[in-house]
Every structure is written in C-alpha cells, then in structure tokens.
C-alpha cells in the first residue's frame, strides 16, 4: 500500500497518502489519533502508524 515511501513520512507525505490538508493532519496529530513524533520543528510519522490509522478509520 505505502511501499514507495520510507519507513518515516514527513507531514507533506502523510497528507499525500491520506489525501487531506496540513491543517487536518495537524489536528489529527494534536488529538493523538495518529502516532508520530517531532524532531525539532519537523513531524516524523511512521509508515506503519499511517497504515494503522487508515485501517482504524475504515473499520477494517
């Protein structure tokens, strides 16, 4: 599904995968619905966390 991405995604890549805007992504991150961490000012989002988020949202 997300094989073409590295193990860690940037915020821009996560937005592309989830097909959402940055404001929505930052709201999801603030609500801790998506596991991620910050490296300075840059968000790093594990690819597996994005896959888990998609499965949870789709009730799979």
N, C-alpha and C. Protein backbone atom coordinates (compact mmCIF):
# COMPACT_ATOMS: atom_id res chain seq x y z
N UNK A 1 0.82 -1.19 0.00
CA UNK A 1 0.00 0.00 0.00
C UNK A 1 0.87 1.26 0.00
N UNK A 2 1.80 1.32 0.92
CA UNK A 2 2.66 2.50 1.03
C UNK A 2 4.12 2.13 0.80
N UNK A 3 4.36 1.12 -0.01
CA UNK A 3 5.71 0.60 -0.20
C UNK A 3 6.67 1.61 -0.82
N UNK A 4 6.15 2.56 -1.56
CA UNK A 4 7.05 3.51 -2.22
C UNK A 4 7.57 4.59 -1.27
N UNK A 5 7.09 4.60 -0.04
CA UNK A 5 7.53 5.58 0.95
C UNK A 5 8.54 4.95 1.90
N UNK A 6 9.39 5.80 2.49
CA UNK A 6 10.33 5.34 3.51
C UNK A 6 9.56 4.94 4.76
N UNK A 7 10.28 4.41 5.75
CA UNK A 7 9.64 4.00 7.00
C UNK A 7 9.09 5.18 7.78
N UNK A 8 9.69 6.36 7.60
CA UNK A 8 9.21 7.58 8.25
C UNK A 8 8.75 8.56 7.19
N UNK A 9 7.54 9.07 7.36
CA UNK A 9 6.99 10.03 6.42
C UNK A 9 7.06 11.43 7.00
N UNK A 10 7.18 12.40 6.13
CA UNK A 10 7.07 13.79 6.53
C UNK A 10 5.59 14.16 6.58
N UNK A 11 5.29 15.33 7.08
CA UNK A 11 3.90 15.78 7.12
C UNK A 11 3.32 15.88 5.71
N UNK A 12 4.13 16.36 4.77
CA UNK A 12 3.67 16.50 3.38
C UNK A 12 3.34 15.14 2.77
N UNK A 13 4.20 14.15 3.03
CA UNK A 13 3.96 12.81 2.50
C UNK A 13 2.72 12.19 3.14
N UNK A 14 2.54 12.39 4.44
CA UNK A 14 1.36 11.86 5.12
C UNK A 14 0.09 12.49 4.57
N UNK A 15 0.13 13.78 4.28
CA UNK A 15 -1.02 14.46 3.68
C UNK A 15 -1.34 13.85 2.32
N UNK A 16 -0.31 13.57 1.56
CA UNK A 16 -0.48 12.98 0.23
C UNK A 16 -1.12 11.60 0.34
N UNK A 17 -0.64 10.79 1.27
CA UNK A 17 -1.16 9.44 1.45
C UNK A 17 -2.61 9.47 1.91
N UNK A 18 -2.89 10.31 2.89
CA UNK A 18 -4.23 10.37 3.48
C UNK A 18 -5.19 11.24 2.68
N UNK A 19 -4.65 11.97 1.72
CA UNK A 19 -5.45 12.87 0.88
C UNK A 19 -6.21 13.89 1.73
N UNK A 20 -5.45 14.51 2.64
CA UNK A 20 -6.01 15.55 3.50
C UNK A 20 -5.05 16.74 3.47
N UNK A 21 -5.51 17.86 3.98
CA UNK A 21 -4.68 19.05 4.05
C UNK A 21 -3.84 19.06 5.32
N UNK A 22 -2.89 19.98 5.35
CA UNK A 22 -1.98 20.07 6.50
C UNK A 22 -2.72 20.42 7.79
N UNK A 23 -3.70 21.31 7.71
CA UNK A 23 -4.43 21.69 8.92
C UNK A 23 -5.13 20.49 9.54
N UNK A 24 -5.74 19.66 8.71
CA UNK A 24 -6.41 18.45 9.20
C UNK A 24 -5.40 17.48 9.79
N UNK A 25 -4.25 17.32 9.13
CA UNK A 25 -3.22 16.42 9.65
C UNK A 25 -2.74 16.89 11.01
N UNK A 26 -2.48 18.19 11.15
CA UNK A 26 -2.01 18.71 12.43
C UNK A 26 -3.08 18.55 13.52
N UNK A 27 -4.34 18.63 13.16
CA UNK A 27 -5.42 18.39 14.13
C UNK A 27 -5.41 16.92 14.57
N UNK A 28 -5.21 16.02 13.64
CA UNK A 28 -5.14 14.59 13.96
C UNK A 28 -3.94 14.31 14.86
N UNK A 29 -2.81 14.93 14.56
CA UNK A 29 -1.61 14.74 15.38
C UNK A 29 -1.81 15.32 16.77
N UNK A 30 -2.44 16.48 16.88
CA UNK A 30 -2.68 17.11 18.18
C UNK A 30 -3.62 16.27 19.04
N UNK A 31 -4.59 15.61 18.39
CA UNK A 31 -5.53 14.75 19.11
C UNK A 31 -4.95 13.38 19.42
N UNK A 32 -3.71 13.14 18.96
CA UNK A 32 -3.00 11.87 19.17
C UNK A 32 -3.75 10.69 18.56
N UNK A 33 -4.47 10.95 17.47
CA UNK A 33 -5.14 9.87 16.74
C UNK A 33 -4.16 9.14 15.84
N UNK A 34 -3.05 9.78 15.53
CA UNK A 34 -2.02 9.23 14.67
C UNK A 34 -0.70 9.31 15.42
N UNK A 35 -0.04 8.17 15.59
CA UNK A 35 1.22 8.16 16.34
C UNK A 35 2.32 8.78 15.50
N UNK A 36 3.02 9.72 16.09
CA UNK A 36 4.10 10.42 15.41
C UNK A 36 4.96 11.10 16.46
N UNK A 37 6.08 11.66 15.99
CA UNK A 37 6.93 12.41 16.90
C UNK A 37 7.53 13.59 16.16
N UNK A 38 8.01 14.54 16.93
CA UNK A 38 8.62 15.73 16.35
C UNK A 38 10.13 15.66 16.53
N UNK A 39 10.82 16.00 15.48
CA UNK A 39 12.27 16.13 15.51
C UNK A 39 12.55 17.60 15.27
N UNK A 40 12.65 18.35 16.34
CA UNK A 40 12.73 19.81 16.22
C UNK A 40 11.37 20.34 15.81
N UNK A 41 11.33 20.99 14.66
CA UNK A 41 10.06 21.52 14.16
C UNK A 41 9.41 20.61 13.12
N UNK A 42 10.05 19.49 12.82
CA UNK A 42 9.60 18.61 11.75
C UNK A 42 8.92 17.37 12.33
N UNK A 43 7.71 17.09 11.86
CA UNK A 43 7.00 15.89 12.26
C UNK A 43 7.52 14.70 11.48
N UNK A 44 7.68 13.58 12.15
CA UNK A 44 8.03 12.30 11.53
C UNK A 44 6.93 11.31 11.89
N UNK A 45 6.35 10.71 10.87
CA UNK A 45 5.20 9.84 11.06
C UNK A 45 5.56 8.46 10.53
N UNK A 46 5.57 7.44 11.38
CA UNK A 46 5.90 6.10 10.92
C UNK A 46 4.87 5.60 9.89
N UNK A 47 5.38 4.97 8.86
CA UNK A 47 4.50 4.43 7.82
C UNK A 47 3.49 3.45 8.40
N UNK A 48 3.93 2.62 9.35
CA UNK A 48 3.03 1.65 9.97
C UNK A 48 1.91 2.35 10.75
N UNK A 49 2.21 3.50 11.34
CA UNK A 49 1.18 4.26 12.06
C UNK A 49 0.14 4.79 11.09
N UNK A 50 0.56 5.21 9.90
CA UNK A 50 -0.38 5.70 8.89
C UNK A 50 -1.27 4.55 8.43
N UNK A 51 -0.69 3.37 8.20
CA UNK A 51 -1.47 2.21 7.80
C UNK A 51 -2.48 1.83 8.88
N UNK A 52 -2.05 1.86 10.14
CA UNK A 52 -2.96 1.54 11.26
C UNK A 52 -4.08 2.57 11.35
N UNK A 53 -3.77 3.84 11.13
CA UNK A 53 -4.78 4.89 11.17
C UNK A 53 -5.83 4.67 10.07
N UNK A 54 -5.36 4.32 8.88
CA UNK A 54 -6.29 4.08 7.77
C UNK A 54 -7.19 2.89 8.10
N UNK A 55 -6.61 1.82 8.63
CA UNK A 55 -7.42 0.65 8.98
C UNK A 55 -8.46 1.00 10.06
N UNK A 56 -8.04 1.78 11.06
CA UNK A 56 -8.95 2.16 12.14
C UNK A 56 -10.09 3.03 11.61
N UNK A 57 -9.78 3.96 10.72
CA UNK A 57 -10.80 4.84 10.18
C UNK A 57 -11.76 4.10 9.25
N UNK A 58 -11.27 3.06 8.61
CA UNK A 58 -12.11 2.28 7.69
C UNK A 58 -12.79 1.10 8.39
N UNK A 59 -12.53 0.97 9.69
CA UNK A 59 -13.09 -0.14 10.48
C UNK A 59 -12.74 -1.50 9.89
N UNK A 60 -11.49 -1.65 9.48
CA UNK A 60 -11.03 -2.93 8.93
C UNK A 60 -10.39 -3.78 10.00
